[in-house]
């Protein structure tokens, strides 16, 4: 799957995703095992939500994992959105906006 098939989320979508991520509890014991890696990254996003450097590092890890998900378009897109969310949040922190 080529990255051009996935549209970048808007600022409004990113803000909504951020609010969902920080207000959600991630219990990996009860999630779909196929999605466990995604939820683990979501939990890490929540844990690092105020650390721009950690968010950048997380985004890099997510993109590396995403590259191996070409067999599942839904997860591929979800990982891409989460990586973009982490990069967006890092930019917000660096610009002084929270």
PDB file of N, CA and C in Angstrom:
ATOM      1  N   UNK A   1       0.841  -1.175   0.000  1.00  0.00           N
ATOM      2  CA  UNK A   1       0.000   0.000   0.000  1.00  0.00           C
ATOM      3  C   UNK A   1       0.882   1.233   0.000  1.00  0.00           C
ATOM      4  N   UNK A   2       0.553   2.187  -0.795  1.00  0.00           N
ATOM      5  CA  UNK A   2       1.319   3.426  -0.867  1.00  0.00           C
ATOM      6  C   UNK A   2       0.728   4.448   0.087  1.00  0.00           C
ATOM      7  N   UNK A   3       1.578   5.257   0.690  1.00  0.00           N
ATOM      8  CA  UNK A   3       1.132   6.267   1.648  1.00  0.00           C
ATOM      9  C   UNK A   3       0.181   7.266   1.007  1.00  0.00           C
ATOM     10  N   UNK A   4       0.253   7.473  -0.301  1.00  0.00           N
ATOM     11  CA  UNK A   4      -0.604   8.454  -0.951  1.00  0.00           C
ATOM     12  C   UNK A   4      -2.072   8.040  -0.908  1.00  0.00           C
ATOM     13  N   UNK A   5      -2.355   6.780  -0.583  1.00  0.00           N
ATOM     14  CA  UNK A   5      -3.731   6.322  -0.481  1.00  0.00           C
ATOM     15  C   UNK A   5      -4.400   6.783   0.810  1.00  0.00           C
ATOM     16  N   UNK A   6      -3.625   7.284   1.744  1.00  0.00           N
ATOM     17  CA  UNK A   6      -4.144   7.696   3.037  1.00  0.00           C
ATOM     18  C   UNK A   6      -4.118   9.219   3.103  1.00  0.00           C
ATOM     19  N   UNK A   7      -5.271   9.818   3.362  1.00  0.00           N
ATOM     20  CA  UNK A   7      -5.321  11.266   3.443  1.00  0.00           C
ATOM     21  C   UNK A   7      -4.903  11.727   4.830  1.00  0.00           C
ATOM     22  N   UNK A   8      -4.214  12.845   4.872  1.00  0.00           N
ATOM     23  CA  UNK A   8      -3.773  13.400   6.149  1.00  0.00           C
ATOM     24  C   UNK A   8      -4.975  13.973   6.893  1.00  0.00           C
ATOM     25  N   UNK A   9      -5.031  13.737   8.195  1.00  0.00           N
ATOM     26  CA  UNK A   9      -6.141  14.286   8.969  1.00  0.00           C
ATOM     27  C   UNK A   9      -6.047  15.809   9.062  1.00  0.00           C
ATOM     28  N   UNK A  10      -7.197  16.450   9.158  1.00  0.00           N
ATOM     29  CA  UNK A  10      -7.243  17.903   9.311  1.00  0.00           C
ATOM     30  C   UNK A  10      -6.866  18.278  10.740  1.00  0.00           C
ATOM     31  N   UNK A  11      -6.622  19.567  10.962  1.00  0.00           N
ATOM     32  CA  UNK A  11      -6.320  20.050  12.317  1.00  0.00           C
ATOM     33  C   UNK A  11      -7.454  19.709  13.281  1.00  0.00           C
ATOM     34  N   UNK A  12      -8.683  19.858  12.806  1.00  0.00           N
ATOM     35  CA  UNK A  12      -9.846  19.561  13.644  1.00  0.00           C
ATOM     36  C   UNK A  12      -9.900  18.070  13.998  1.00  0.00           C
ATOM     37  N   UNK A  13      -9.619  17.219  13.016  1.00  0.00           N
ATOM     38  CA  UNK A  13      -9.594  15.779  13.273  1.00  0.00           C
ATOM     39  C   UNK A  13      -8.490  15.425  14.262  1.00  0.00           C
ATOM     40  N   UNK A  14      -7.327  16.049  14.106  1.00  0.00           N
ATOM     41  CA  UNK A  14      -6.217  15.784  15.022  1.00  0.00           C
ATOM     42  C   UNK A  14      -6.568  16.208  16.444  1.00  0.00           C
ATOM     43  N   UNK A  15      -7.201  17.361  16.593  1.00  0.00           N
ATOM     44  CA  UNK A  15      -7.613  17.814  17.926  1.00  0.00           C
ATOM     45  C   UNK A  15      -8.600  16.827  18.537  1.00  0.00           C
ATOM     46  N   UNK A  16      -9.542  16.356  17.733  1.00  0.00           N
ATOM     47  CA  UNK A  16     -10.529  15.383  18.210  1.00  0.00           C
ATOM     48  C   UNK A  16      -9.845  14.069  18.608  1.00  0.00           C
ATOM     49  N   UNK A  17      -8.930  13.577  17.782  1.00  0.00           N
ATOM     50  CA  UNK A  17      -8.197  12.355  18.098  1.00  0.00           C
ATOM     51  C   UNK A  17      -7.388  12.514  19.383  1.00  0.00           C
ATOM     52  N   UNK A  18      -6.780  13.677  19.545  1.00  0.00           N
ATOM     53  CA  UNK A  18      -5.994  13.951  20.757  1.00  0.00           C
ATOM     54  C   UNK A  18      -6.894  13.870  21.992  1.00  0.00           C
ATOM     55  N   UNK A  19      -8.039  14.513  21.923  1.00  0.00           N
ATOM     56  CA  UNK A  19      -8.963  14.491  23.063  1.00  0.00           C
ATOM     57  C   UNK A  19      -9.437  13.082  23.367  1.00  0.00           C
ATOM     58  N   UNK A  20      -9.723  12.310  22.329  1.00  0.00           N
ATOM     59  CA  UNK A  20     -10.114  10.916  22.533  1.00  0.00           C
ATOM     60  C   UNK A  20      -8.982  10.131  23.197  1.00  0.00           C
ATOM     61  N   UNK A  21      -7.778  10.319  22.700  1.00  0.00           N
ATOM     62  CA  UNK A  21      -6.630   9.550  23.196  1.00  0.00           C
ATOM     63  C   UNK A  21      -6.356   9.822  24.667  1.00  0.00           C
ATOM     64  N   UNK A  22      -6.409  11.073  25.059  1.00  0.00           N
ATOM     65  CA  UNK A  22      -6.054  11.370  26.450  1.00  0.00           C
ATOM     66  C   UNK A  22      -7.195  11.083  27.426  1.00  0.00           C
ATOM     67  N   UNK A  23      -8.412  10.951  26.927  1.00  0.00           N
ATOM     68  CA  UNK A  23      -9.549  10.695  27.804  1.00  0.00           C
ATOM     69  C   UNK A  23      -9.977   9.232  27.809  1.00  0.00           C
ATOM     70  N   UNK A  24      -9.197   8.384  27.173  1.00  0.00           N
ATOM     71  CA  UNK A  24      -9.558   6.974  27.069  1.00  0.00           C
ATOM     72  C   UNK A  24      -8.624   6.124  27.908  1.00  0.00           C
ATOM     73  N   UNK A  25      -9.163   5.059  28.466  1.00  0.00           N
ATOM     74  CA  UNK A  25      -8.362   4.105  29.223  1.00  0.00           C
ATOM     75  C   UNK A  25      -8.043   2.940  28.300  1.00  0.00           C
ATOM     76  N   UNK A  26      -6.787   2.575  28.195  1.00  0.00           N
ATOM     77  CA  UNK A  26      -6.360   1.509  27.294  1.00  0.00           C
ATOM     78  C   UNK A  26      -6.035   0.262  28.099  1.00  0.00           C
ATOM     79  N   UNK A  27      -6.934  -0.697  28.061  1.00  0.00           N
ATOM     80  CA  UNK A  27      -6.755  -1.956  28.772  1.00  0.00           C
ATOM     81  C   UNK A  27      -6.412  -3.032  27.744  1.00  0.00           C
ATOM     82  N   UNK A  28      -5.148  -3.342  27.628  1.00  0.00           N
ATOM     83  CA  UNK A  28      -4.686  -4.285  26.610  1.00  0.00           C
ATOM     84  C   UNK A  28      -5.147  -5.709  26.893  1.00  0.00           C
ATOM     85  N   UNK A  29      -5.630  -5.965  28.094  1.00  0.00           N
ATOM     86  CA  UNK A  29      -6.112  -7.307  28.424  1.00  0.00           C
ATOM     87  C   UNK A  29      -7.426  -7.633  27.719  1.00  0.00           C
ATOM     88  N   UNK A  30      -8.177  -6.609  27.330  1.00  0.00           N
ATOM     89  CA  UNK A  30      -9.494  -6.862  26.754  1.00  0.00           C
ATOM     90  C   UNK A  30      -9.627  -6.410  25.302  1.00  0.00           C
ATOM     91  N   UNK A  31      -8.572  -5.909  24.707  1.00  0.00           N
ATOM     92  CA  UNK A  31      -8.665  -5.451  23.314  1.00  0.00           C
ATOM     93  C   UNK A  31      -8.497  -6.623  22.351  1.00  0.00           C
ATOM     94  N   UNK A  32      -8.906  -6.418  21.138  1.00  0.00           N
ATOM     95  CA  UNK A  32      -8.732  -7.405  20.074  1.00  0.00           C
ATOM     96  C   UNK A  32      -7.231  -7.648  19.911  1.00  0.00           C
ATOM     97  N   UNK A  33      -6.785  -8.897  20.017  1.00  0.00           N
ATOM     98  CA  UNK A  33      -5.345  -9.170  19.907  1.00  0.00           C
ATOM     99  C   UNK A  33      -4.713  -8.642  18.621  1.00  0.00           C
ATOM    100  N   UNK A  34      -5.475  -8.599  17.548  1.00  0.00           N
ATOM    101  CA  UNK A  34      -4.938  -8.068  16.293  1.00  0.00           C
ATOM    102  C   UNK A  34      -4.660  -6.579  16.379  1.00  0.00           C
ATOM    103  N   UNK A  35      -5.303  -5.911  17.307  1.00  0.00           N
ATOM    104  CA  UNK A  35      -5.144  -4.466  17.457  1.00  0.00           C
ATOM    105  C   UNK A  35      -4.317  -4.092  18.690  1.00  0.00           C
ATOM    106  N   UNK A  36      -3.786  -5.080  19.368  1.00  0.00           N
ATOM    107  CA  UNK A  36      -3.033  -4.826  20.599  1.00  0.00           C
ATOM    108  C   UNK A  36      -1.864  -3.877  20.411  1.00  0.00           C
ATOM    109  N   UNK A  37      -1.139  -4.018  19.306  1.00  0.00           N
ATOM    110  CA  UNK A  37      -0.010  -3.128  19.051  1.00  0.00           C
ATOM    111  C   UNK A  37      -0.449  -1.689  18.899  1.00  0.00           C
ATOM    112  N   UNK A  38      -1.580  -1.493  18.224  1.00  0.00           N
ATOM    113  CA  UNK A  38      -2.102  -0.139  18.049  1.00  0.00           C
ATOM    114  C   UNK A  38      -2.470   0.477  19.392  1.00  0.00           C
ATOM    115  N   UNK A  39      -3.178  -0.286  20.213  1.00  0.00           N
ATOM    116  CA  UNK A  39      -3.589   0.245  21.516  1.00  0.00           C
ATOM    117  C   UNK A  39      -2.399   0.470  22.439  1.00  0.00           C
ATOM    118  N   UNK A  40      -1.366  -0.334  22.282  1.00  0.00           N
ATOM    119  CA  UNK A  40      -0.150  -0.102  23.072  1.00  0.00           C
ATOM    120  C   UNK A  40       0.476   1.239  22.691  1.00  0.00           C
ATOM    121  N   UNK A  41       0.481   1.550  21.397  1.00  0.00           N
ATOM    122  CA  UNK A  41       0.999   2.852  20.965  1.00  0.00           C
ATOM    123  C   UNK A  41       0.085   3.986  21.435  1.00  0.00           C
ATOM    124  N   UNK A  42      -1.214   3.759  21.439  1.00  0.00           N
ATOM    125  CA  UNK A  42      -2.137   4.787  21.947  1.00  0.00           C
ATOM    126  C   UNK A  42      -1.855   5.057  23.421  1.00  0.00           C
ATOM    127  N   UNK A  43      -1.623   4.012  24.192  1.00  0.00           N
ATOM    128  CA  UNK A  43      -1.306   4.178  25.608  1.00  0.00           C
ATOM    129  C   UNK A  43       0.003   4.941  25.776  1.00  0.00           C
ATOM    130  N   UNK A  44       0.986   4.637  24.938  1.00  0.00           N
ATOM    131  CA  UNK A  44       2.254   5.369  24.997  1.00  0.00           C
ATOM    132  C   UNK A  44       2.061   6.827  24.621  1.00  0.00           C
ATOM    133  N   UNK A  45       1.186   7.094  23.634  1.00  0.00           N
ATOM    134  CA  UNK A  45       0.878   8.483  23.284  1.00  0.00           C
ATOM    135  C   UNK A  45       0.352   9.200  24.517  1.00  0.00           C
ATOM    136  N   UNK A  46      -0.580   8.591  25.193  1.00  0.00           N
ATOM    137  CA  UNK A  46      -1.178   9.198  26.383  1.00  0.00           C
ATOM    138  C   UNK A  46      -0.109   9.446  27.455  1.00  0.00           C
ATOM    139  N   UNK A  47       0.814   8.503  27.614  1.00  0.00           N
ATOM    140  CA  UNK A  47       1.871   8.643  28.626  1.00  0.00           C
ATOM    141  C   UNK A  47       2.876   9.734  28.281  1.00  0.00           C
ATOM    142  N   UNK A  48       3.054  10.019  26.995  1.00  0.00           N
ATOM    143  CA  UNK A  48       4.083  10.987  26.574  1.00  0.00           C
ATOM    144  C   UNK A  48       3.479  12.270  26.016  1.00  0.00           C
ATOM    145  N   UNK A  49       2.210  12.500  26.258  1.00  0.00           N
ATOM    146  CA  UNK A  49       1.458  13.578  25.613  1.00  0.00           C
ATOM    147  C   UNK A  49       2.051  14.971  25.833  1.00  0.00           C
ATOM    148  N   UNK A  50       2.890  15.149  26.835  1.00  0.00           N
ATOM    149  CA  UNK A  50       3.477  16.458  27.107  1.00  0.00           C
ATOM    150  C   UNK A  50       4.984  16.500  26.898  1.00  0.00           C
ATOM    151  N   UNK A  51       5.526  15.546  26.159  1.00  0.00           N
ATOM    152  CA  UNK A  51       6.969  15.464  25.905  1.00  0.00           C
ATOM    153  C   UNK A  51       7.197  15.417  24.392  1.00  0.00           C
ATOM    154  N   UNK A  52       7.535  16.556  23.805  1.00  0.00           N
ATOM    155  CA  UNK A  52       7.670  16.662  22.352  1.00  0.00           C
ATOM    156  C   UNK A  52       8.699  15.683  21.790  1.00  0.00           C
ATOM    157  N   UNK A  53       9.838  15.540  22.449  1.00  0.00           N
ATOM    158  CA  UNK A  53      10.868  14.628  21.946  1.00  0.00           C
ATOM    159  C   UNK A  53      10.384  13.183  21.973  1.00  0.00           C
ATOM    160  N   UNK A  54       9.720  12.796  23.045  1.00  0.00           N
ATOM    161  CA  UNK A  54       9.192  11.433  23.148  1.00  0.00           C
ATOM    162  C   UNK A  54       8.116  11.192  22.094  1.00  0.00           C
ATOM    163  N   UNK A  55       7.319  12.190  21.817  1.00  0.00           N
ATOM    164  CA  UNK A  55       6.287  12.063  20.792  1.00  0.00           C
ATOM    165  C   UNK A  55       6.900  11.893  19.411  1.00  0.00           C
ATOM    166  N   UNK A  56       7.957  12.630  19.118  1.00  0.00           N
ATOM    167  CA  UNK A  56       8.643  12.464  17.832  1.00  0.00           C
ATOM    168  C   UNK A  56       9.214  11.056  17.698  1.00  0.00           C
ATOM    169  N   UNK A  57       9.820  10.574  18.771  1.00  0.00           N
ATOM    170  CA  UNK A  57      10.373   9.222  18.762  1.00  0.00           C
ATOM    171  C   UNK A  57       9.257   8.189  18.577  1.00  0.00           C
ATOM    172  N   UNK A  58       8.145   8.391  19.263  1.00  0.00           N
ATOM    173  CA  UNK A  58       6.999   7.496  19.134  1.00  0.00           C
ATOM    174  C   UNK A  58       6.489   7.475  17.693  1.00  0.00           C
ATOM    175  N   UNK A  59       6.391   8.644  17.074  1.00  0.00           N
ATOM    176  CA  UNK A  59       5.929   8.721  15.684  1.00  0.00           C
ATOM    177  C   UNK A  59       6.840   7.909  14.766  1.00  0.00           C
ATOM    178  N   UNK A  60       8.148   7.985  14.981  1.00  0.00           N
ATOM    179  CA  UNK A  60       9.094   7.212  14.171  1.00  0.00           C
ATOM    180  C   UNK A  60       8.871   5.711  14.348  1.00  0.00           C
ATOM    181  N   UNK A  61       8.652   5.280  15.586  1.00  0.00           N
ATOM    182  CA  UNK A  61       8.391   3.865  15.851  1.00  0.00           C
ATOM    183  C   UNK A  61       7.101   3.411  15.176  1.00  0.00           C
ATOM    184  N   UNK A  62       6.087   4.250  15.246  1.00  0.00           N
ATOM    185  CA  UNK A  62       4.793   3.908  14.651  1.00  0.00           C
ATOM    186  C   UNK A  62       4.921   3.767  13.138  1.00  0.00           C
ATOM    187  N   UNK A  63       5.634   4.675  12.506  1.00  0.00           N
ATOM    188  CA  UNK A  63       5.815   4.616  11.050  1.00  0.00           C
ATOM    189  C   UNK A  63       6.561   3.336  10.660  1.00  0.00           C
ATOM    190  N   UNK A  64       7.554   2.960  11.439  1.00  0.00           N
ATOM    191  CA  UNK A  64       8.283   1.718  11.159  1.00  0.00           C
ATOM    192  C   UNK A  64       7.348   0.517  11.264  1.00  0.00           C
ATOM    193  N   UNK A  65       6.496   0.520  12.261  1.00  0.00           N
ATOM    194  CA  UNK A  65       5.528  -0.576  12.417  1.00  0.00           C
ATOM    195  C   UNK A  65       4.500  -0.538  11.297  1.00  0.00           C
ATOM    196  N   UNK A  66       4.056   0.648  10.929  1.00  0.00           N
ATOM    197  CA  UNK A  66       3.058   0.816   9.882  1.00  0.00           C
ATOM    198  C   UNK A  66       3.548   0.208   8.569  1.00  0.00           C
ATOM    199  N   UNK A  67       4.816   0.337   8.283  1.00  0.00           N
ATOM    200  CA  UNK A  67       5.377  -0.157   7.027  1.00  0.00           C
ATOM    201  C   UNK A  67       5.183  -1.667   6.866  1.00  0.00           C
ATOM    202  N   UNK A  68       5.010  -2.366   7.975  1.00  0.00           N
ATOM    203  CA  UNK A  68       4.820  -3.821   7.924  1.00  0.00           C
ATOM    204  C   UNK A  68       3.340  -4.214   7.870  1.00  0.00           C
ATOM    205  N   UNK A  69       2.441  -3.245   7.786  1.00  0.00           N
ATOM    206  CA  UNK A  69       1.007  -3.537   7.849  1.00  0.00           C
ATOM    207  C   UNK A  69       0.299  -3.426   6.506  1.00  0.00           C
ATOM    208  N   UNK A  70       0.988  -3.638   5.439  1.00  0.00           N
ATOM    209  CA  UNK A  70       0.382  -3.469   4.120  1.00  0.00           C
ATOM    210  C   UNK A  70      -0.747  -4.469   3.872  1.00  0.00           C
ATOM    211  N   UNK A  71      -0.822  -5.536   4.640  1.00  0.00           N
ATOM    212  CA  UNK A  71      -1.865  -6.548   4.481  1.00  0.00           C
ATOM    213  C   UNK A  71      -3.194  -6.131   5.117  1.00  0.00           C
ATOM    214  N   UNK A  72      -3.189  -5.082   5.935  1.00  0.00           N
ATOM    215  CA  UNK A  72      -4.406  -4.659   6.637  1.00  0.00           C
ATOM    216  C   UNK A  72      -4.603  -3.155   6.437  1.00  0.00           C
ATOM    217  N   UNK A  73      -5.353  -2.765   5.413  1.00  0.00           N
ATOM    218  CA  UNK A  73      -5.514  -1.335   5.112  1.00  0.00           C
ATOM    219  C   UNK A  73      -6.080  -0.515   6.273  1.00  0.00           C
ATOM    220  N   UNK A  74      -6.984  -1.094   7.050  1.00  0.00           N
ATOM    221  CA  UNK A  74      -7.570  -0.367   8.174  1.00  0.00           C
ATOM    222  C   UNK A  74      -6.541  -0.045   9.248  1.00  0.00           C
ATOM    223  N   UNK A  75      -5.765  -1.039   9.632  1.00  0.00           N
ATOM    224  CA  UNK A  75      -4.722  -0.804  10.633  1.00  0.00           C
ATOM    225  C   UNK A  75      -3.632   0.099  10.077  1.00  0.00           C
ATOM    226  N   UNK A  76      -3.308  -0.075   8.803  1.00  0.00           N
ATOM    227  CA  UNK A  76      -2.304   0.775   8.167  1.00  0.00           C
ATOM    228  C   UNK A  76      -2.711   2.248   8.302  1.00  0.00           C
ATOM    229  N   UNK A  77      -3.952   2.531   7.997  1.00  0.00           N
ATOM    230  CA  UNK A  77      -4.437   3.912   8.100  1.00  0.00           C
ATOM    231  C   UNK A  77      -4.463   4.385   9.549  1.00  0.00           C
ATOM    232  N   UNK A  78      -4.891   3.531  10.463  1.00  0.00           N
ATOM    233  CA  UNK A  78      -4.938   3.908  11.877  1.00  0.00           C
ATOM    234  C   UNK A  78      -3.547   4.235  12.414  1.00  0.00           C
ATOM    235  N   UNK A  79      -2.567   3.411  12.053  1.00  0.00           N
ATOM    236  CA  UNK A  79      -1.198   3.683  12.493  1.00  0.00           C
ATOM    237  C   UNK A  79      -0.699   5.000  11.903  1.00  0.00           C
ATOM    238  N   UNK A  80      -1.031   5.251  10.645  1.00  0.00           N
ATOM    239  CA  UNK A  80      -0.619   6.509  10.019  1.00  0.00           C
ATOM    240  C   UNK A  80      -1.220   7.717  10.719  1.00  0.00           C
ATOM    241  N   UNK A  81      -2.484   7.624  11.072  1.00  0.00           N
ATOM    242  CA  UNK A  81      -3.137   8.733  11.778  1.00  0.00           C
ATOM    243  C   UNK A  81      -2.529   8.935  13.163  1.00  0.00           C
ATOM    244  N   UNK A  82      -2.196   7.844  13.832  1.00  0.00           N
ATOM    245  CA  UNK A  82      -1.591   7.965  15.153  1.00  0.00           C
ATOM    246  C   UNK A  82      -0.197   8.589  15.060  1.00  0.00           C
ATOM    247  N   UNK A  83       0.570   8.224  14.050  1.00  0.00           N
ATOM    248  CA  UNK A  83       1.893   8.838  13.863  1.00  0.00           C
ATOM    249  C   UNK A  83       1.739  10.334  13.598  1.00  0.00           C
ATOM    250  N   UNK A  84       0.783  10.687  12.756  1.00  0.00           N
ATOM    251  CA  UNK A  84       0.540  12.108  12.475  1.00  0.00           C
ATOM    252  C   UNK A  84       0.079  12.833  13.727  1.00  0.00           C
ATOM    253  N   UNK A  85      -0.734  12.191  14.533  1.00  0.00           N
ATOM    254  CA  UNK A  85      -1.189  12.791  15.794  1.00  0.00           C
ATOM    255  C   UNK A  85       0.003  13.079  16.705  1.00  0.00           C
ATOM    256  N   UNK A  86       0.911  12.131  16.827  1.00  0.00           N
ATOM    257  CA  UNK A  86       2.094  12.332  17.678  1.00  0.00           C
ATOM    258  C   UNK A  86       2.953  13.483  17.158  1.00  0.00           C
ATOM    259  N   UNK A  87       3.145  13.543  15.839  1.00  0.00           N
ATOM    260  CA  UNK A  87       3.933  14.656  15.271  1.00  0.00           C
ATOM    261  C   UNK A  87       3.224  15.994  15.472  1.00  0.00           C
ATOM    262  N   UNK A  88       1.914  16.003  15.277  1.00  0.00           N
ATOM    263  CA  UNK A  88       1.122  17.225  15.466  1.00  0.00           C
ATOM    264  C   UNK A  88       1.230  17.716  16.902  1.00  0.00           C
ATOM    265  N   UNK A  89       1.072  16.803  17.860  1.00  0.00           N
ATOM    266  CA  UNK A  89       1.140  17.179  19.272  1.00  0.00           C
ATOM    267  C   UNK A  89       2.534  17.712  19.607  1.00  0.00           C
ATOM    268  N   UNK A  90       3.579  17.110  19.077  1.00  0.00           N
ATOM    269  CA  UNK A  90       4.940  17.591  19.318  1.00  0.00           C
ATOM    270  C   UNK A  90       5.089  19.012  18.781  1.00  0.00           C
ATOM    271  N   UNK A  91       4.538  19.270  17.590  1.00  0.00           N
ATOM    272  CA  UNK A  91       4.595  20.633  17.026  1.00  0.00           C
ATOM    273  C   UNK A  91       3.837  21.617  17.920  1.00  0.00           C
ATOM    274  N   UNK A  92       2.684  21.211  18.423  1.00  0.00           N
ATOM    275  CA  UNK A  92       1.889  22.082  19.303  1.00  0.00           C
ATOM    276  C   UNK A  92       2.679  22.427  20.565  1.00  0.00           C
ATOM    277  N   UNK A  93       3.313  21.440  21.150  1.00  0.00           N
ATOM    278  CA  UNK A  93       4.099  21.678  22.368  1.00  0.00           C
ATOM    279  C   UNK A  93       5.260  22.621  22.095  1.00  0.00           C
ATOM    280  N   UNK A  94       5.935  22.423  20.983  1.00  0.00           N
ATOM    281  CA  UNK A  94       7.081  23.278  20.656  1.00  0.00           C
ATOM    282  C   UNK A  94       6.664  24.713  20.342  1.00  0.00           C
ATOM    283  N   UNK A  95       5.443  24.878  19.856  1.00  0.00           N
ATOM    284  CA  UNK A  95       4.968  26.236  19.539  1.00  0.00           C
ATOM    285  C   UNK A  95       4.367  26.923  20.766  1.00  0.00           C
ATOM    286  N   UNK A  96       4.320  26.208  21.877  1.00  0.00           N
ATOM    287  CA  UNK A  96       3.774  26.801  23.099  1.00  0.00           C
ATOM    288  C   UNK A  96       2.288  26.624  23.278  1.00  0.00           C
ATOM    289  N   UNK A  97       1.669  25.917  22.347  1.00  0.00           N
ATOM    290  CA  UNK A  97       0.225  25.650  22.465  1.00  0.00           C
ATOM    291  C   UNK A  97       0.045  24.266  23.064  1.00  0.00           C
ATOM    292  N   UNK A  98      -0.955  24.126  23.890  1.00  0.00           N
ATOM    293  CA  UNK A  98      -1.232  22.807  24.461  1.00  0.00           C
ATOM    294  C   UNK A  98      -2.666  22.498  24.265  1.00  0.00           C
TER     295      UNK A  98
END
